[in-house]
């Protein structure tokens, strides 16, 4: 399988969005690409667009939580991780991410509970 560059991946997802503007997964995938390239604002926008098109998209809430956490927006990250967990109760990565955000806010007990749940669900 040929290796696809970040630029090519971004172009592919942008074309998919242009063809079908309500394609939540395309916005999500472009958000992944932007996040990996360090474009946190662009990633957050694309995750939001994915959520607007598919309100139960747990992975998009998680991705937006990652971007918010990386930007230091801890309250927003906590909300998004929580929404991801509400939609997908066995989302180990979301529990771990929420644990990191809780720890950063000084909630050591809540953080440990989330880390323990993430581990029970197979994270790490």
PDB file of N, CA and C in Angstrom:
ATOM      1  N   UNK A   1       0.852  -1.178   0.000  1.00  0.00           N
ATOM      2  CA  UNK A   1       0.000   0.000   0.000  1.00  0.00           C
ATOM      3  C   UNK A   1       0.897   1.240   0.000  1.00  0.00           C
ATOM      4  N   UNK A   2       0.673   2.171  -0.915  1.00  0.00           N
ATOM      5  CA  UNK A   2       1.523   3.365  -0.990  1.00  0.00           C
ATOM      6  C   UNK A   2       1.306   4.263   0.219  1.00  0.00           C
ATOM      7  N   UNK A   3       2.384   4.906   0.637  1.00  0.00           N
ATOM      8  CA  UNK A   3       2.317   5.823   1.776  1.00  0.00           C
ATOM      9  C   UNK A   3       1.695   7.143   1.321  1.00  0.00           C
ATOM     10  N   UNK A   4       0.730   7.627   2.103  1.00  0.00           N
ATOM     11  CA  UNK A   4       0.038   8.878   1.804  1.00  0.00           C
ATOM     12  C   UNK A   4       0.595   9.957   2.718  1.00  0.00           C
ATOM     13  N   UNK A   5       0.960  11.086   2.137  1.00  0.00           N
ATOM     14  CA  UNK A   5       1.486  12.189   2.944  1.00  0.00           C
ATOM     15  C   UNK A   5       0.341  12.899   3.654  1.00  0.00           C
ATOM     16  N   UNK A   6       0.696  13.711   4.672  1.00  0.00           N
ATOM     17  CA  UNK A   6      -0.326  14.484   5.384  1.00  0.00           C
ATOM     18  C   UNK A   6      -1.054  15.417   4.418  1.00  0.00           C
ATOM     19  N   UNK A   7      -0.312  16.002   3.521  1.00  0.00           N
ATOM     20  CA  UNK A   7      -0.920  16.923   2.548  1.00  0.00           C
ATOM     21  C   UNK A   7      -1.924  16.194   1.668  1.00  0.00           C
ATOM     22  N   UNK A   8      -1.526  15.016   1.175  1.00  0.00           N
ATOM     23  CA  UNK A   8      -2.433  14.230   0.338  1.00  0.00           C
ATOM     24  C   UNK A   8      -3.677  13.797   1.121  1.00  0.00           C
ATOM     25  N   UNK A   9      -3.464  13.404   2.362  1.00  0.00           N
ATOM     26  CA  UNK A   9      -4.599  12.990   3.196  1.00  0.00           C
ATOM     27  C   UNK A   9      -5.567  14.162   3.381  1.00  0.00           C
ATOM     28  N   UNK A  10      -5.013  15.343   3.632  1.00  0.00           N
ATOM     29  CA  UNK A  10      -5.843  16.534   3.807  1.00  0.00           C
ATOM     30  C   UNK A  10      -6.609  16.847   2.531  1.00  0.00           C
ATOM     31  N   UNK A  11      -5.956  16.731   1.394  1.00  0.00           N
ATOM     32  CA  UNK A  11      -6.615  16.994   0.109  1.00  0.00           C
ATOM     33  C   UNK A  11      -7.735  15.997  -0.152  1.00  0.00           C
ATOM     34  N   UNK A  12      -7.508  14.732   0.177  1.00  0.00           N
ATOM     35  CA  UNK A  12      -8.524  13.689  -0.026  1.00  0.00           C
ATOM     36  C   UNK A  12      -9.761  13.985   0.817  1.00  0.00           C
ATOM     37  N   UNK A  13      -9.556  14.314   2.085  1.00  0.00           N
ATOM     38  CA  UNK A  13     -10.712  14.575   2.951  1.00  0.00           C
ATOM     39  C   UNK A  13     -11.420  15.866   2.552  1.00  0.00           C
ATOM     40  N   UNK A  14     -10.665  16.868   2.124  1.00  0.00           N
ATOM     41  CA  UNK A  14     -11.288  18.118   1.675  1.00  0.00           C
ATOM     42  C   UNK A  14     -12.154  17.863   0.442  1.00  0.00           C
ATOM     43  N   UNK A  15     -11.675  17.041  -0.490  1.00  0.00           N
ATOM     44  CA  UNK A  15     -12.486  16.695  -1.673  1.00  0.00           C
ATOM     45  C   UNK A  15     -13.756  15.952  -1.273  1.00  0.00           C
ATOM     46  N   UNK A  16     -13.645  15.065  -0.301  1.00  0.00           N
ATOM     47  CA  UNK A  16     -14.828  14.336   0.167  1.00  0.00           C
ATOM     48  C   UNK A  16     -15.843  15.297   0.775  1.00  0.00           C
ATOM     49  N   UNK A  17     -15.371  16.290   1.515  1.00  0.00           N
ATOM     50  CA  UNK A  17     -16.257  17.284   2.120  1.00  0.00           C
ATOM     51  C   UNK A  17     -16.916  18.129   1.037  1.00  0.00           C
ATOM     52  N   UNK A  18     -16.151  18.490   0.000  1.00  0.00           N
ATOM     53  CA  UNK A  18     -16.713  19.291  -1.090  1.00  0.00           C
ATOM     54  C   UNK A  18     -17.799  18.527  -1.834  1.00  0.00           C
ATOM     55  N   UNK A  19     -17.635  17.233  -1.967  1.00  0.00           N
ATOM     56  CA  UNK A  19     -18.626  16.418  -2.677  1.00  0.00           C
ATOM     57  C   UNK A  19     -19.881  16.189  -1.839  1.00  0.00           C
ATOM     58  N   UNK A  20     -19.670  16.015  -0.541  1.00  0.00           N
ATOM     59  CA  UNK A  20     -20.789  15.692   0.356  1.00  0.00           C
ATOM     60  C   UNK A  20     -20.568  16.448   1.663  1.00  0.00           C
ATOM     61  N   UNK A  21     -21.125  17.641   1.758  1.00  0.00           N
ATOM     62  CA  UNK A  21     -20.873  18.543   2.876  1.00  0.00           C
ATOM     63  C   UNK A  21     -21.357  18.072   4.223  1.00  0.00           C
ATOM     64  N   UNK A  22     -22.220  17.046   4.260  1.00  0.00           N
ATOM     65  CA  UNK A  22     -22.702  16.551   5.542  1.00  0.00           C
ATOM     66  C   UNK A  22     -21.984  15.270   5.966  1.00  0.00           C
ATOM     67  N   UNK A  23     -20.841  15.021   5.414  1.00  0.00           N
ATOM     68  CA  UNK A  23     -20.067  13.802   5.647  1.00  0.00           C
ATOM     69  C   UNK A  23     -19.240  13.961   6.926  1.00  0.00           C
ATOM     70  N   UNK A  24     -19.830  13.615   8.064  1.00  0.00           N
ATOM     71  CA  UNK A  24     -19.189  13.811   9.372  1.00  0.00           C
ATOM     72  C   UNK A  24     -17.826  13.135   9.458  1.00  0.00           C
ATOM     73  N   UNK A  25     -17.718  11.942   8.912  1.00  0.00           N
ATOM     74  CA  UNK A  25     -16.461  11.205   9.007  1.00  0.00           C
ATOM     75  C   UNK A  25     -15.326  11.912   8.266  1.00  0.00           C
ATOM     76  N   UNK A  26     -15.648  12.590   7.180  1.00  0.00           N
ATOM     77  CA  UNK A  26     -14.612  13.330   6.446  1.00  0.00           C
ATOM     78  C   UNK A  26     -14.093  14.500   7.286  1.00  0.00           C
ATOM     79  N   UNK A  27     -15.008  15.217   7.944  1.00  0.00           N
ATOM     80  CA  UNK A  27     -14.559  16.297   8.834  1.00  0.00           C
ATOM     81  C   UNK A  27     -13.711  15.732   9.971  1.00  0.00           C
ATOM     82  N   UNK A  28     -14.144  14.610  10.518  1.00  0.00           N
ATOM     83  CA  UNK A  28     -13.384  13.961  11.590  1.00  0.00           C
ATOM     84  C   UNK A  28     -11.978  13.577  11.109  1.00  0.00           C
ATOM     85  N   UNK A  29     -11.907  12.957   9.944  1.00  0.00           N
ATOM     86  CA  UNK A  29     -10.599  12.540   9.416  1.00  0.00           C
ATOM     87  C   UNK A  29      -9.699  13.731   9.128  1.00  0.00           C
ATOM     88  N   UNK A  30     -10.275  14.805   8.603  1.00  0.00           N
ATOM     89  CA  UNK A  30      -9.451  15.996   8.377  1.00  0.00           C
ATOM     90  C   UNK A  30      -9.011  16.589   9.715  1.00  0.00           C
ATOM     91  N   UNK A  31      -9.872  16.505  10.722  1.00  0.00           N
ATOM     92  CA  UNK A  31      -9.483  16.944  12.063  1.00  0.00           C
ATOM     93  C   UNK A  31      -8.299  16.145  12.590  1.00  0.00           C
ATOM     94  N   UNK A  32      -8.317  14.840  12.366  1.00  0.00           N
ATOM     95  CA  UNK A  32      -7.175  14.002  12.776  1.00  0.00           C
ATOM     96  C   UNK A  32      -5.890  14.465  12.102  1.00  0.00           C
ATOM     97  N   UNK A  33      -5.986  14.731  10.821  1.00  0.00           N
ATOM     98  CA  UNK A  33      -4.812  15.169  10.062  1.00  0.00           C
ATOM     99  C   UNK A  33      -4.312  16.507  10.585  1.00  0.00           C
ATOM    100  N   UNK A  34      -5.210  17.434  10.794  1.00  0.00           N
ATOM    101  CA  UNK A  34      -4.812  18.754  11.291  1.00  0.00           C
ATOM    102  C   UNK A  34      -4.204  18.651  12.688  1.00  0.00           C
ATOM    103  N   UNK A  35      -4.779  17.827  13.528  1.00  0.00           N
ATOM    104  CA  UNK A  35      -4.238  17.649  14.878  1.00  0.00           C
ATOM    105  C   UNK A  35      -2.809  17.097  14.803  1.00  0.00           C
ATOM    106  N   UNK A  36      -2.622  16.093  13.970  1.00  0.00           N
ATOM    107  CA  UNK A  36      -1.294  15.481  13.833  1.00  0.00           C
ATOM    108  C   UNK A  36      -0.261  16.468  13.307  1.00  0.00           C
ATOM    109  N   UNK A  37      -0.719  17.430  12.488  1.00  0.00           N
ATOM    110  CA  UNK A  37       0.189  18.444  11.942  1.00  0.00           C
ATOM    111  C   UNK A  37       0.393  19.613  12.907  1.00  0.00           C
ATOM    112  N   UNK A  38      -0.326  19.617  14.037  1.00  0.00           N
ATOM    113  CA  UNK A  38      -0.187  20.693  15.006  1.00  0.00           C
ATOM    114  C   UNK A  38      -1.136  21.856  14.805  1.00  0.00           C
ATOM    115  N   UNK A  39      -2.080  21.732  13.860  1.00  0.00           N
ATOM    116  CA  UNK A  39      -3.073  22.773  13.621  1.00  0.00           C
ATOM    117  C   UNK A  39      -4.260  22.528  14.550  1.00  0.00           C
ATOM    118  N   UNK A  40      -4.107  22.934  15.815  1.00  0.00           N
ATOM    119  CA  UNK A  40      -5.118  22.636  16.821  1.00  0.00           C
ATOM    120  C   UNK A  40      -6.428  23.379  16.570  1.00  0.00           C
ATOM    121  N   UNK A  41      -6.335  24.630  16.112  1.00  0.00           N
ATOM    122  CA  UNK A  41      -7.550  25.401  15.807  1.00  0.00           C
ATOM    123  C   UNK A  41      -8.328  24.750  14.666  1.00  0.00           C
ATOM    124  N   UNK A  42      -7.619  24.388  13.605  1.00  0.00           N
ATOM    125  CA  UNK A  42      -8.268  23.736  12.472  1.00  0.00           C
ATOM    126  C   UNK A  42      -8.860  22.392  12.858  1.00  0.00           C
ATOM    127  N   UNK A  43      -8.141  21.639  13.675  1.00  0.00           N
ATOM    128  CA  UNK A  43      -8.648  20.350  14.136  1.00  0.00           C
ATOM    129  C   UNK A  43      -9.924  20.542  14.949  1.00  0.00           C
ATOM    130  N   UNK A  44      -9.900  21.515  15.872  1.00  0.00           N
ATOM    131  CA  UNK A  44     -11.071  21.764  16.700  1.00  0.00           C
ATOM    132  C   UNK A  44     -12.279  22.156  15.844  1.00  0.00           C
ATOM    133  N   UNK A  45     -12.062  22.987  14.836  1.00  0.00           N
ATOM    134  CA  UNK A  45     -13.156  23.378  13.937  1.00  0.00           C
ATOM    135  C   UNK A  45     -13.734  22.163  13.212  1.00  0.00           C
ATOM    136  N   UNK A  46     -12.853  21.301  12.700  1.00  0.00           N
ATOM    137  CA  UNK A  46     -13.339  20.138  11.958  1.00  0.00           C
ATOM    138  C   UNK A  46     -14.055  19.148  12.870  1.00  0.00           C
ATOM    139  N   UNK A  47     -13.562  18.939  14.085  1.00  0.00           N
ATOM    140  CA  UNK A  47     -14.265  18.057  15.016  1.00  0.00           C
ATOM    141  C   UNK A  47     -15.650  18.626  15.338  1.00  0.00           C
ATOM    142  N   UNK A  48     -15.719  19.947  15.516  1.00  0.00           N
ATOM    143  CA  UNK A  48     -17.012  20.585  15.781  1.00  0.00           C
ATOM    144  C   UNK A  48     -17.955  20.370  14.607  1.00  0.00           C
ATOM    145  N   UNK A  49     -17.461  20.518  13.390  1.00  0.00           N
ATOM    146  CA  UNK A  49     -18.307  20.293  12.210  1.00  0.00           C
ATOM    147  C   UNK A  49     -18.784  18.843  12.134  1.00  0.00           C
ATOM    148  N   UNK A  50     -17.915  17.911  12.499  1.00  0.00           N
ATOM    149  CA  UNK A  50     -18.318  16.502  12.516  1.00  0.00           C
ATOM    150  C   UNK A  50     -19.435  16.283  13.539  1.00  0.00           C
ATOM    151  N   UNK A  51     -19.304  16.890  14.714  1.00  0.00           N
ATOM    152  CA  UNK A  51     -20.312  16.758  15.769  1.00  0.00           C
ATOM    153  C   UNK A  51     -21.633  17.385  15.336  1.00  0.00           C
ATOM    154  N   UNK A  52     -21.556  18.524  14.655  1.00  0.00           N
ATOM    155  CA  UNK A  52     -22.784  19.177  14.182  1.00  0.00           C
ATOM    156  C   UNK A  52     -23.545  18.297  13.206  1.00  0.00           C
ATOM    157  N   UNK A  53     -22.851  17.478  12.469  1.00  0.00           N
ATOM    158  CA  UNK A  53     -23.479  16.619  11.478  1.00  0.00           C
ATOM    159  C   UNK A  53     -23.888  15.263  12.042  1.00  0.00           C
ATOM    160  N   UNK A  54     -23.245  14.868  13.129  1.00  0.00           N
ATOM    161  CA  UNK A  54     -23.509  13.559  13.733  1.00  0.00           C
ATOM    162  C   UNK A  54     -23.323  13.711  15.243  1.00  0.00           C
ATOM    163  N   UNK A  55     -24.407  14.042  15.919  1.00  0.00           N
ATOM    164  CA  UNK A  55     -24.352  14.413  17.330  1.00  0.00           C
ATOM    165  C   UNK A  55     -23.928  13.322  18.287  1.00  0.00           C
ATOM    166  N   UNK A  56     -23.962  12.068  17.845  1.00  0.00           N
ATOM    167  CA  UNK A  56     -23.553  10.969  18.725  1.00  0.00           C
ATOM    168  C   UNK A  56     -22.133  10.468  18.409  1.00  0.00           C
ATOM    169  N   UNK A  57     -21.341  11.279  17.745  1.00  0.00           N
ATOM    170  CA  UNK A  57     -20.010  10.894  17.258  1.00  0.00           C
ATOM    171  C   UNK A  57     -18.993  11.001  18.402  1.00  0.00           C
ATOM    172  N   UNK A  58     -18.904   9.956  19.207  1.00  0.00           N
ATOM    173  CA  UNK A  58     -18.042   9.956  20.394  1.00  0.00           C
ATOM    174  C   UNK A  58     -16.592  10.269  20.047  1.00  0.00           C
ATOM    175  N   UNK A  59     -16.099   9.711  18.963  1.00  0.00           N
ATOM    176  CA  UNK A  59     -14.700   9.920  18.592  1.00  0.00           C
ATOM    177  C   UNK A  59     -14.412  11.379  18.262  1.00  0.00           C
ATOM    178  N   UNK A  60     -15.395  12.074  17.684  1.00  0.00           N
ATOM    179  CA  UNK A  60     -15.201  13.494  17.375  1.00  0.00           C
ATOM    180  C   UNK A  60     -15.174  14.330  18.655  1.00  0.00           C
ATOM    181  N   UNK A  61     -16.013  13.981  19.630  1.00  0.00           N
ATOM    182  CA  UNK A  61     -15.943  14.674  20.922  1.00  0.00           C
ATOM    183  C   UNK A  61     -14.577  14.432  21.568  1.00  0.00           C
ATOM    184  N   UNK A  62     -14.103  13.192  21.495  1.00  0.00           N
ATOM    185  CA  UNK A  62     -12.790  12.868  22.049  1.00  0.00           C
ATOM    186  C   UNK A  62     -11.688  13.661  21.340  1.00  0.00           C
ATOM    187  N   UNK A  63     -11.721  13.701  20.021  1.00  0.00           N
ATOM    188  CA  UNK A  63     -10.716  14.447  19.264  1.00  0.00           C
ATOM    189  C   UNK A  63     -10.728  15.923  19.619  1.00  0.00           C
ATOM    190  N   UNK A  64     -11.928  16.495  19.734  1.00  0.00           N
ATOM    191  CA  UNK A  64     -12.012  17.907  20.106  1.00  0.00           C
ATOM    192  C   UNK A  64     -11.496  18.104  21.528  1.00  0.00           C
ATOM    193  N   UNK A  65     -11.745  17.139  22.392  1.00  0.00           N
ATOM    194  CA  UNK A  65     -11.188  17.195  23.741  1.00  0.00           C
ATOM    195  C   UNK A  65      -9.671  17.197  23.730  1.00  0.00           C
ATOM    196  N   UNK A  66      -9.081  16.375  22.878  1.00  0.00           N
ATOM    197  CA  UNK A  66      -7.618  16.354  22.747  1.00  0.00           C
ATOM    198  C   UNK A  66      -7.087  17.719  22.319  1.00  0.00           C
ATOM    199  N   UNK A  67      -7.726  18.291  21.309  1.00  0.00           N
ATOM    200  CA  UNK A  67      -7.275  19.600  20.812  1.00  0.00           C
ATOM    201  C   UNK A  67      -7.420  20.655  21.893  1.00  0.00           C
ATOM    202  N   UNK A  68      -8.526  20.647  22.598  1.00  0.00           N
ATOM    203  CA  UNK A  68      -8.736  21.638  23.671  1.00  0.00           C
ATOM    204  C   UNK A  68      -7.724  21.436  24.790  1.00  0.00           C
ATOM    205  N   UNK A  69      -7.473  20.200  25.152  1.00  0.00           N
ATOM    206  CA  UNK A  69      -6.485  19.926  26.200  1.00  0.00           C
ATOM    207  C   UNK A  69      -5.114  20.453  25.780  1.00  0.00           C
ATOM    208  N   UNK A  70      -4.732  20.185  24.547  1.00  0.00           N
ATOM    209  CA  UNK A  70      -3.426  20.637  24.040  1.00  0.00           C
ATOM    210  C   UNK A  70      -3.323  22.159  24.026  1.00  0.00           C
ATOM    211  N   UNK A  71      -4.462  22.843  23.882  1.00  0.00           N
ATOM    212  CA  UNK A  71      -4.481  24.303  23.882  1.00  0.00           C
ATOM    213  C   UNK A  71      -4.603  24.872  25.301  1.00  0.00           C
ATOM    214  N   UNK A  72      -4.727  24.009  26.281  1.00  0.00           N
ATOM    215  CA  UNK A  72      -4.871  24.466  27.658  1.00  0.00           C
ATOM    216  C   UNK A  72      -6.293  24.814  28.046  1.00  0.00           C
ATOM    217  N   UNK A  73      -7.266  24.469  27.216  1.00  0.00           N
ATOM    218  CA  UNK A  73      -8.682  24.731  27.495  1.00  0.00           C
ATOM    219  C   UNK A  73      -9.253  23.551  28.282  1.00  0.00           C
ATOM    220  N   UNK A  74      -8.915  23.503  29.567  1.00  0.00           N
ATOM    221  CA  UNK A  74      -9.222  22.325  30.367  1.00  0.00           C
ATOM    222  C   UNK A  74     -10.720  22.110  30.574  1.00  0.00           C
ATOM    223  N   UNK A  75     -11.486  23.175  30.814  1.00  0.00           N
ATOM    224  CA  UNK A  75     -12.938  23.015  31.008  1.00  0.00           C
ATOM    225  C   UNK A  75     -13.590  22.445  29.753  1.00  0.00           C
ATOM    226  N   UNK A  76     -13.220  22.985  28.593  1.00  0.00           N
ATOM    227  CA  UNK A  76     -13.764  22.466  27.343  1.00  0.00           C
ATOM    228  C   UNK A  76     -13.351  21.024  27.096  1.00  0.00           C
ATOM    229  N   UNK A  77     -12.107  20.701  27.418  1.00  0.00           N
ATOM    230  CA  UNK A  77     -11.634  19.330  27.260  1.00  0.00           C
ATOM    231  C   UNK A  77     -12.427  18.385  28.161  1.00  0.00           C
ATOM    232  N   UNK A  78     -12.645  18.794  29.416  1.00  0.00           N
ATOM    233  CA  UNK A  78     -13.413  17.961  30.338  1.00  0.00           C
ATOM    234  C   UNK A  78     -14.831  17.716  29.813  1.00  0.00           C
ATOM    235  N   UNK A  79     -15.464  18.760  29.306  1.00  0.00           N
ATOM    236  CA  UNK A  79     -16.822  18.603  28.748  1.00  0.00           C
ATOM    237  C   UNK A  79     -16.817  17.621  27.576  1.00  0.00           C
ATOM    238  N   UNK A  80     -15.854  17.780  26.683  1.00  0.00           N
ATOM    239  CA  UNK A  80     -15.829  16.913  25.497  1.00  0.00           C
ATOM    240  C   UNK A  80     -15.497  15.470  25.848  1.00  0.00           C
ATOM    241  N   UNK A  81     -14.552  15.250  26.746  1.00  0.00           N
ATOM    242  CA  UNK A  81     -14.266  13.873  27.170  1.00  0.00           C
ATOM    243  C   UNK A  81     -15.508  13.261  27.817  1.00  0.00           C
ATOM    244  N   UNK A  82     -16.197  14.056  28.643  1.00  0.00           N
ATOM    245  CA  UNK A  82     -17.415  13.569  29.273  1.00  0.00           C
ATOM    246  C   UNK A  82     -18.490  13.220  28.261  1.00  0.00           C
ATOM    247  N   UNK A  83     -18.638  14.035  27.242  1.00  0.00           N
ATOM    248  CA  UNK A  83     -19.626  13.760  26.191  1.00  0.00           C
ATOM    249  C   UNK A  83     -19.254  12.505  25.411  1.00  0.00           C
ATOM    250  N   UNK A  84     -17.970  12.310  25.169  1.00  0.00           N
ATOM    251  CA  UNK A  84     -17.526  11.094  24.482  1.00  0.00           C
ATOM    252  C   UNK A  84     -17.878   9.867  25.322  1.00  0.00           C
ATOM    253  N   UNK A  85     -17.655   9.962  26.629  1.00  0.00           N
ATOM    254  CA  UNK A  85     -17.950   8.841  27.535  1.00  0.00           C
ATOM    255  C   UNK A  85     -19.452   8.597  27.613  1.00  0.00           C
ATOM    256  N   UNK A  86     -20.263   9.658  27.618  1.00  0.00           N
ATOM    257  CA  UNK A  86     -21.720   9.489  27.633  1.00  0.00           C
ATOM    258  C   UNK A  86     -22.198   8.716  26.407  1.00  0.00           C
ATOM    259  N   UNK A  87     -21.571   8.951  25.285  1.00  0.00           N
ATOM    260  CA  UNK A  87     -21.999   8.324  24.041  1.00  0.00           C
ATOM    261  C   UNK A  87     -21.406   6.932  23.847  1.00  0.00           C
ATOM    262  N   UNK A  88     -20.286   6.691  24.507  1.00  0.00           N
ATOM    263  CA  UNK A  88     -19.598   5.407  24.347  1.00  0.00           C
ATOM    264  C   UNK A  88     -18.957   5.071  25.700  1.00  0.00           C
ATOM    265  N   UNK A  89     -19.702   4.378  26.532  1.00  0.00           N
ATOM    266  CA  UNK A  89     -19.305   4.142  27.917  1.00  0.00           C
ATOM    267  C   UNK A  89     -18.049   3.318  28.117  1.00  0.00           C
ATOM    268  N   UNK A  90     -17.598   2.632  27.084  1.00  0.00           N
ATOM    269  CA  UNK A  90     -16.384   1.822  27.206  1.00  0.00           C
ATOM    270  C   UNK A  90     -15.186   2.462  26.486  1.00  0.00           C
ATOM    271  N   UNK A  91     -15.219   3.775  26.349  1.00  0.00           N
ATOM    272  CA  UNK A  91     -14.197   4.529  25.601  1.00  0.00           C
ATOM    273  C   UNK A  91     -13.001   4.798  26.530  1.00  0.00           C
ATOM    274  N   UNK A  92     -12.107   3.834  26.612  1.00  0.00           N
ATOM    275  CA  UNK A  92     -10.977   3.901  27.547  1.00  0.00           C
ATOM    276  C   UNK A  92     -10.119   5.145  27.345  1.00  0.00           C
ATOM    277  N   UNK A  93      -9.852   5.495  26.096  1.00  0.00           N
ATOM    278  CA  UNK A  93      -9.003   6.651  25.819  1.00  0.00           C
ATOM    279  C   UNK A  93      -9.634   7.943  26.340  1.00  0.00           C
ATOM    280  N   UNK A  94     -10.959   8.038  26.266  1.00  0.00           N
ATOM    281  CA  UNK A  94     -11.652   9.226  26.760  1.00  0.00           C
ATOM    282  C   UNK A  94     -11.560   9.304  28.284  1.00  0.00           C
ATOM    283  N   UNK A  95     -11.666   8.162  28.961  1.00  0.00           N
ATOM    284  CA  UNK A  95     -11.481   8.166  30.410  1.00  0.00           C
ATOM    285  C   UNK A  95     -10.066   8.620  30.762  1.00  0.00           C
ATOM    286  N   UNK A  96      -9.084   8.123  30.018  1.00  0.00           N
ATOM    287  CA  UNK A  96      -7.704   8.520  30.291  1.00  0.00           C
ATOM    288  C   UNK A  96      -7.503  10.017  30.029  1.00  0.00           C
ATOM    289  N   UNK A  97      -8.017  10.512  28.915  1.00  0.00           N
ATOM    290  CA  UNK A  97      -7.895  11.938  28.611  1.00  0.00           C
ATOM    291  C   UNK A  97      -8.561  12.799  29.664  1.00  0.00           C
ATOM    292  N   UNK A  98      -9.759  12.371  30.099  1.00  0.00           N
ATOM    293  CA  UNK A  98     -10.434  13.131  31.148  1.00  0.00           C
ATOM    294  C   UNK A  98      -9.633  13.092  32.445  1.00  0.00           C
ATOM    295  N   UNK A  99      -9.000  11.972  32.711  1.00  0.00           N
ATOM    296  CA  UNK A  99      -8.141  11.881  33.886  1.00  0.00           C
ATOM    297  C   UNK A  99      -6.987  12.874  33.823  1.00  0.00           C
ATOM    298  N   UNK A 100      -6.386  12.998  32.655  1.00  0.00           N
ATOM    299  CA  UNK A 100      -5.297  13.972  32.492  1.00  0.00           C
ATOM    300  C   UNK A 100      -5.787  15.398  32.734  1.00  0.00           C
ATOM    301  N   UNK A 101      -6.959  15.719  32.175  1.00  0.00           N
ATOM    302  CA  UNK A 101      -7.510  17.061  32.351  1.00  0.00           C
ATOM    303  C   UNK A 101      -7.875  17.315  33.810  1.00  0.00           C
ATOM    304  N   UNK A 102      -8.444  16.314  34.464  1.00  0.00           N
ATOM    305  CA  UNK A 102      -8.779  16.471  35.883  1.00  0.00           C
ATOM    306  C   UNK A 102      -7.516  16.690  36.715  1.00  0.00           C
ATOM    307  N   UNK A 103      -6.493  15.916  36.415  1.00  0.00           N
ATOM    308  CA  UNK A 103      -5.234  16.079  37.156  1.00  0.00           C
ATOM    309  C   UNK A 103      -4.665  17.476  36.946  1.00  0.00           C
ATOM    310  N   UNK A 104      -4.718  17.961  35.710  1.00  0.00           N
ATOM    311  CA  UNK A 104      -4.197  19.302  35.410  1.00  0.00           C
ATOM    312  C   UNK A 104      -4.977  20.382  36.156  1.00  0.00           C
ATOM    313  N   UNK A 105      -6.237  20.114  36.458  1.00  0.00           N
ATOM    314  CA  UNK A 105      -7.070  21.069  37.201  1.00  0.00           C
ATOM    315  C   UNK A 105      -6.950  20.878  38.716  1.00  0.00           C
ATOM    316  N   UNK A 106      -6.161  19.904  39.150  1.00  0.00           N
ATOM    317  CA  UNK A 106      -5.957  19.687  40.578  1.00  0.00           C
ATOM    318  C   UNK A 106      -6.912  18.701  41.219  1.00  0.00           C
ATOM    319  N   UNK A 107      -7.698  17.984  40.423  1.00  0.00           N
ATOM    320  CA  UNK A 107      -8.646  16.991  40.941  1.00  0.00           C
ATOM    321  C   UNK A 107      -7.983  15.615  40.907  1.00  0.00           C
ATOM    322  N   UNK A 108      -7.098  15.368  41.859  1.00  0.00           N
ATOM    323  CA  UNK A 108      -6.360  14.116  41.882  1.00  0.00           C
ATOM    324  C   UNK A 108      -7.236  12.893  42.072  1.00  0.00           C
ATOM    325  N   UNK A 109      -8.255  13.004  42.932  1.00  0.00           N
ATOM    326  CA  UNK A 109      -9.147  11.866  43.177  1.00  0.00           C
ATOM    327  C   UNK A 109      -9.941  11.517  41.919  1.00  0.00           C
ATOM    328  N   UNK A 110     -10.536  12.524  41.261  1.00  0.00           N
ATOM    329  CA  UNK A 110     -11.283  12.275  40.035  1.00  0.00           C
ATOM    330  C   UNK A 110     -10.385  11.727  38.936  1.00  0.00           C
ATOM    331  N   UNK A 111      -9.171  12.264  38.868  1.00  0.00           N
ATOM    332  CA  UNK A 111      -8.218  11.787  37.866  1.00  0.00           C
ATOM    333  C   UNK A 111      -7.910  10.311  38.080  1.00  0.00           C
ATOM    334  N   UNK A 112      -7.663   9.931  39.321  1.00  0.00           N
ATOM    335  CA  UNK A 112      -7.332   8.531  39.610  1.00  0.00           C
ATOM    336  C   UNK A 112      -8.497   7.607  39.275  1.00  0.00           C
ATOM    337  N   UNK A 113      -9.723   8.054  39.556  1.00  0.00           N
ATOM    338  CA  UNK A 113     -10.890   7.246  39.200  1.00  0.00           C
ATOM    339  C   UNK A 113     -10.952   7.020  37.685  1.00  0.00           C
ATOM    340  N   UNK A 114     -10.688   8.072  36.922  1.00  0.00           N
ATOM    341  CA  UNK A 114     -10.704   7.928  35.464  1.00  0.00           C
ATOM    342  C   UNK A 114      -9.562   7.047  34.977  1.00  0.00           C
ATOM    343  N   UNK A 115      -8.371   7.205  35.541  1.00  0.00           N
ATOM    344  CA  UNK A 115      -7.239   6.356  35.153  1.00  0.00           C
ATOM    345  C   UNK A 115      -7.548   4.886  35.457  1.00  0.00           C
ATOM    346  N   UNK A 116      -8.143   4.636  36.628  1.00  0.00           N
ATOM    347  CA  UNK A 116      -8.496   3.258  36.993  1.00  0.00           C
ATOM    348  C   UNK A 116      -9.522   2.676  36.019  1.00  0.00           C
ATOM    349  N   UNK A 117     -10.528   3.485  35.654  1.00  0.00           N
ATOM    350  CA  UNK A 117     -11.544   3.002  34.709  1.00  0.00           C
ATOM    351  C   UNK A 117     -10.915   2.748  33.334  1.00  0.00           C
ATOM    352  N   UNK A 118     -10.038   3.626  32.907  1.00  0.00           N
ATOM    353  CA  UNK A 118      -9.367   3.430  31.615  1.00  0.00           C
ATOM    354  C   UNK A 118      -8.593   2.109  31.630  1.00  0.00           C
ATOM    355  N   UNK A 119      -7.927   1.837  32.735  1.00  0.00           N
ATOM    356  CA  UNK A 119      -7.159   0.592  32.839  1.00  0.00           C
ATOM    357  C   UNK A 119      -8.093  -0.619  32.827  1.00  0.00           C
ATOM    358  N   UNK A 120      -9.220  -0.528  33.562  1.00  0.00           N
ATOM    359  CA  UNK A 120     -10.190  -1.632  33.553  1.00  0.00           C
ATOM    360  C   UNK A 120     -10.703  -1.909  32.136  1.00  0.00           C
ATOM    361  N   UNK A 121     -10.783  -0.863  31.340  1.00  0.00           N
ATOM    362  CA  UNK A 121     -11.283  -1.015  29.964  1.00  0.00           C
ATOM    363  C   UNK A 121     -10.179  -1.398  28.977  1.00  0.00           C
ATOM    364  N   UNK A 122      -8.962  -1.580  29.480  1.00  0.00           N
ATOM    365  CA  UNK A 122      -7.883  -2.087  28.630  1.00  0.00           C
ATOM    366  C   UNK A 122      -6.883  -1.055  28.165  1.00  0.00           C
ATOM    367  N   UNK A 123      -6.976   0.191  28.671  1.00  0.00           N
ATOM    368  CA  UNK A 123      -6.014   1.218  28.249  1.00  0.00           C
ATOM    369  C   UNK A 123      -4.693   0.989  28.961  1.00  0.00           C
ATOM    370  N   UNK A 124      -3.611   1.058  28.191  1.00  0.00           N
ATOM    371  CA  UNK A 124      -2.265   0.969  28.773  1.00  0.00           C
ATOM    372  C   UNK A 124      -1.883  -0.388  29.064  1.00  0.00           C
TER     373      UNK A 124
END
